[in-house]
C-alpha atoms as a PDB file:
ATOM      1  CA  MET A   1     -37.091 -54.995 -43.772  1.00  0.00           C
ATOM      2  CA  ASN A   2     -35.013 -51.997 -43.089  1.00  0.00           C
ATOM      3  CA  ILE A   3     -31.209 -53.016 -43.519  1.00  0.00           C
ATOM      4  CA  PHE A   4     -30.833 -50.442 -40.432  1.00  0.00           C
ATOM      5  CA  SER A   5     -32.641 -52.583 -38.056  1.00  0.00           C
ATOM      6  CA  GLY A   6     -31.962 -55.268 -35.135  1.00  0.00           C
ATOM      7  CA  GLU A   7     -29.093 -55.387 -32.906  1.00  0.00           C
ATOM      8  CA  LYS A   8     -26.929 -52.207 -32.987  1.00  0.00           C
ATOM      9  CA  VAL A   9     -25.004 -49.916 -30.510  1.00  0.00           C
ATOM     10  CA  LEU A  10     -25.625 -46.620 -29.267  1.00  0.00           C
ATOM     11  CA  ILE A  11     -22.801 -44.474 -28.411  1.00  0.00           C
ATOM     12  CA  ARG A  12     -23.262 -41.028 -26.417  1.00  0.00           C
ATOM     13  CA  ILE A  13     -20.419 -38.584 -26.231  1.00  0.00           C
ATOM     14  CA  PHE A  14     -20.507 -36.310 -23.259  1.00  0.00           C
ATOM     15  CA  ILE A  15     -18.718 -32.679 -23.633  1.00  0.00           C
ATOM     16  CA  ASP A  16     -19.039 -29.283 -22.903  1.00  0.00           C
ATOM     17  CA  GLU A  17     -20.226 -26.698 -25.368  1.00  0.00           C
ATOM     18  CA  ASN A  18     -17.054 -24.943 -25.391  1.00  0.00           C
ATOM     19  CA  ALA A  19     -14.944 -27.775 -26.302  1.00  0.00           C
ATOM     20  CA  LYS A  20     -13.522 -27.180 -29.597  1.00  0.00           C
ATOM     21  CA  TYR A  21     -11.456 -29.132 -32.430  1.00  0.00           C
ATOM     22  CA  GLY A  22      -9.392 -26.724 -34.200  1.00  0.00           C
ATOM     23  CA  GLN A  23     -11.071 -23.684 -34.719  1.00  0.00           C
ATOM     24  CA  LYS A  24     -14.895 -25.656 -34.733  1.00  0.00           C
ATOM     25  CA  PRO A  25     -17.102 -26.459 -31.924  1.00  0.00           C
ATOM     26  CA  LEU A  26     -16.169 -29.936 -31.145  1.00  0.00           C
ATOM     27  CA  TYR A  27     -19.830 -31.336 -31.539  1.00  0.00           C
ATOM     28  CA  LYS A  28     -19.784 -29.853 -35.005  1.00  0.00           C
ATOM     29  CA  ALA A  29     -16.480 -31.615 -35.908  1.00  0.00           C
ATOM     30  CA  LEU A  30     -17.851 -34.806 -34.537  1.00  0.00           C
ATOM     31  CA  ILE A  31     -21.169 -34.336 -36.795  1.00  0.00           C
ATOM     32  CA  ASP A  32     -18.859 -33.532 -39.649  1.00  0.00           C
ATOM     33  CA  LEU A  33     -16.817 -36.765 -39.141  1.00  0.00           C
ATOM     34  CA  LEU A  34     -20.068 -39.030 -38.849  1.00  0.00           C
ATOM     35  CA  ILE A  35     -21.249 -37.364 -42.112  1.00  0.00           C
ATOM     36  CA  VAL A  36     -17.931 -38.285 -43.706  1.00  0.00           C
ATOM     37  CA  GLU A  37     -17.581 -41.699 -42.376  1.00  0.00           C
ATOM     38  CA  GLY A  38     -21.233 -42.515 -43.617  1.00  0.00           C
ATOM     39  CA  PHE A  39     -23.001 -42.978 -40.613  1.00  0.00           C
ATOM     40  CA  ALA A  40     -26.990 -43.132 -40.970  1.00  0.00           C
ATOM     41  CA  GLY A  41     -27.693 -40.144 -38.585  1.00  0.00           C
ATOM     42  CA  ALA A  42     -26.786 -38.514 -35.136  1.00  0.00           C
ATOM     43  CA  THR A  43     -28.532 -35.912 -32.864  1.00  0.00           C
ATOM     44  CA  VAL A  44     -26.746 -33.474 -30.633  1.00  0.00           C
ATOM     45  CA  LEU A  45     -28.415 -32.403 -27.349  1.00  0.00           C
ATOM     46  CA  ARG A  46     -27.622 -29.406 -25.203  1.00  0.00           C
ATOM     47  CA  GLY A  47     -28.633 -29.917 -21.537  1.00  0.00           C
ATOM     48  CA  ILE A  48     -29.770 -27.296 -19.325  1.00  0.00           C
ATOM     49  CA  ALA A  49     -27.672 -28.077 -16.300  1.00  0.00           C
ATOM     50  CA  GLY A  50     -25.012 -30.837 -15.464  1.00  0.00           C
ATOM     51  CA  PHE A  51     -21.540 -31.328 -14.050  1.00  0.00           C
ATOM     52  CA  GLY A  52     -18.423 -33.532 -14.868  1.00  0.00           C
ATOM     53  CA  ALA A  53     -14.969 -34.800 -13.581  1.00  0.00           C
ATOM     54  CA  HIS A  54     -14.654 -31.850 -11.697  1.00  0.00           C
ATOM     55  CA  SER A  55     -17.759 -31.220  -9.870  1.00  0.00           C
ATOM     56  CA  VAL A  56     -18.653 -27.955 -11.243  1.00  0.00           C
ATOM     57  CA  TYR A  57     -22.180 -27.149 -11.754  1.00  0.00           C
ATOM     58  CA  HIS A  58     -23.355 -25.658 -14.948  1.00  0.00           C
ATOM     59  CA  THR A  59     -26.634 -24.405 -15.264  1.00  0.00           C
ATOM     60  CA  ASP A  60     -28.741 -22.220 -17.715  1.00  0.00           C
ATOM     61  CA  LYS A  61     -30.333 -20.021 -14.972  1.00  0.00           C
ATOM     62  CA  LEU A  62     -30.709 -16.401 -15.540  1.00  0.00           C
ATOM     63  CA  LEU A  63     -28.837 -15.744 -12.333  1.00  0.00           C
ATOM     64  CA  ARG A  64     -25.683 -17.810 -13.288  1.00  0.00           C
ATOM     65  CA  LEU A  65     -25.112 -18.153 -17.168  1.00  0.00           C
ATOM     66  CA  SER A  66     -22.585 -20.819 -18.261  1.00  0.00           C
ATOM     67  CA  SER A  67     -21.163 -21.133 -21.391  1.00  0.00           C
ATOM     68  CA  GLU A  68     -20.454 -24.675 -20.488  1.00  0.00           C
ATOM     69  CA  LEU A  69     -23.766 -26.477 -20.551  1.00  0.00           C
ATOM     70  CA  PRO A  70     -23.141 -30.030 -21.376  1.00  0.00           C
ATOM     71  CA  ILE A  71     -23.566 -31.676 -24.852  1.00  0.00           C
ATOM     72  CA  ILE A  72     -24.486 -35.069 -25.724  1.00  0.00           C
ATOM     73  CA  VAL A  73     -23.789 -36.387 -29.411  1.00  0.00           C
ATOM     74  CA  GLU A  74     -25.719 -39.612 -29.558  1.00  0.00           C
ATOM     75  CA  VAL A  75     -25.202 -42.135 -32.517  1.00  0.00           C
ATOM     76  CA  VAL A  76     -26.863 -45.642 -33.108  1.00  0.00           C
ATOM     77  CA  ALA A  77     -24.496 -47.777 -35.613  1.00  0.00           C
ATOM     78  CA  SER A  78     -23.140 -51.267 -35.944  1.00  0.00           C
ATOM     79  CA  LYS A  79     -20.412 -52.157 -33.860  1.00  0.00           C
ATOM     80  CA  GLU A  80     -18.200 -52.351 -36.444  1.00  0.00           C
ATOM     81  CA  LYS A  81     -18.950 -48.803 -37.876  1.00  0.00           C
ATOM     82  CA  LEU A  82     -18.485 -47.330 -34.428  1.00  0.00           C
ATOM     83  CA  ASP A  83     -15.128 -49.683 -33.928  1.00  0.00           C
ATOM     84  CA  ARG A  84     -13.616 -48.035 -37.241  1.00  0.00           C
ATOM     85  CA  ALA A  85     -14.614 -44.573 -36.071  1.00  0.00           C
ATOM     86  CA  MET A  86     -13.356 -44.701 -32.193  1.00  0.00           C
ATOM     87  CA  PRO A  87      -9.880 -43.762 -33.418  1.00  0.00           C
ATOM     88  CA  LYS A  88     -10.657 -40.562 -34.831  1.00  0.00           C
ATOM     89  CA  ILE A  89     -13.363 -39.996 -32.569  1.00  0.00           C
ATOM     90  CA  ASP A  90     -10.938 -40.295 -29.642  1.00  0.00           C
ATOM     91  CA  GLU A  91      -8.382 -38.466 -31.213  1.00  0.00           C
ATOM     92  CA  MET A  92     -10.571 -35.390 -31.268  1.00  0.00           C
ATOM     93  CA  MET A  93     -11.681 -35.324 -27.646  1.00  0.00           C
ATOM     94  CA  CYS A  94      -9.964 -33.312 -24.863  1.00  0.00           C
ATOM     95  CA  GLY A  95     -11.813 -34.450 -22.074  1.00  0.00           C
ATOM     96  CA  GLY A  96     -15.540 -35.715 -21.859  1.00  0.00           C
ATOM     97  CA  LEU A  97     -16.667 -39.129 -21.740  1.00  0.00           C
ATOM     98  CA  ILE A  98     -17.895 -41.767 -24.197  1.00  0.00           C
ATOM     99  CA  SER A  99     -20.284 -44.752 -23.189  1.00  0.00           C
ATOM    100  CA  MET A 100     -21.736 -47.526 -25.265  1.00  0.00           C
ATOM    101  CA  GLU A 101     -24.662 -49.768 -24.671  1.00  0.00           C
ATOM    102  CA  ALA A 102     -26.672 -52.514 -27.200  1.00  0.00           C
ATOM    103  CA  VAL A 103     -29.769 -51.211 -28.461  1.00  0.00           C
ATOM    104  CA  ASN A 104     -32.390 -53.035 -30.757  1.00  0.00           C
ATOM    105  CA  VAL A 105     -33.493 -50.674 -33.268  1.00  0.00           C
ATOM    106  CA  VAL A 106     -37.591 -51.283 -34.353  1.00  0.00           C
ATOM    107  CA  ARG A 107     -37.726 -48.357 -37.002  1.00  0.00           C
ATOM    108  CA  TYR A 108     -35.208 -46.026 -39.009  1.00  0.00           C
ATOM    109  CA  CYS A 109     -36.934 -44.403 -41.940  1.00  0.00           C
ATOM    110  CA  ASN A 110     -37.748 -41.160 -43.423  1.00  0.00           C
ATOM    111  CA  LYS A 111     -41.473 -39.640 -43.308  1.00  0.00           C
ATOM    112  CA  ASP A 112     -41.497 -40.036 -47.224  1.00  0.00           C
ATOM    113  CA  ASP A 113     -40.177 -43.663 -47.326  1.00  0.00           C
ATOM    114  CA  LYS A 114     -43.156 -46.053 -48.430  1.00  0.00           C
ATOM    115  CA  GLN A 115     -41.069 -49.228 -47.931  1.00  0.00           C
ATOM    116  CA  CYS A 116     -40.764 -48.195 -44.073  1.00  0.00           C
ATOM    117  CA  VAL A 117     -41.308 -51.744 -41.926  1.00  0.00           C
ATOM    118  CA  LEU A 118     -41.379 -51.845 -38.414  1.00  0.00           C
ATOM    119  CA  ASN A 119     -39.099 -54.563 -37.143  1.00  0.00           C
ATOM    120  CA  GLU A 120     -41.025 -56.629 -34.523  1.00  0.00           C
ATOM    121  CA  PRO A 121     -38.599 -57.542 -31.855  1.00  0.00           C
END
């Protein structure tokens, strides 16, 4: 059975695309941190519209180009691994939202993995 299966935690980090950490886009800095910390993977999603704490609507519509579109960084890992990384993630944040929820990983492998086994719930 795949060791990365069963009960894990999904963390979503909501930021805007202009957010920076030093000279680097925050989403890139977060991905770099997750790689260094040995996470199994992460996904960065760019939204087409959204608003946050200030209720300012940002959209990618042609008439109102926005450079502050929503970015979501999603990561699935063990609670222990996330707990170890959270102080570093929190230090990098300059606003935004972080959510966590329990998930059941039923499959995680690359397309060439002949040993990939589906984890039945």
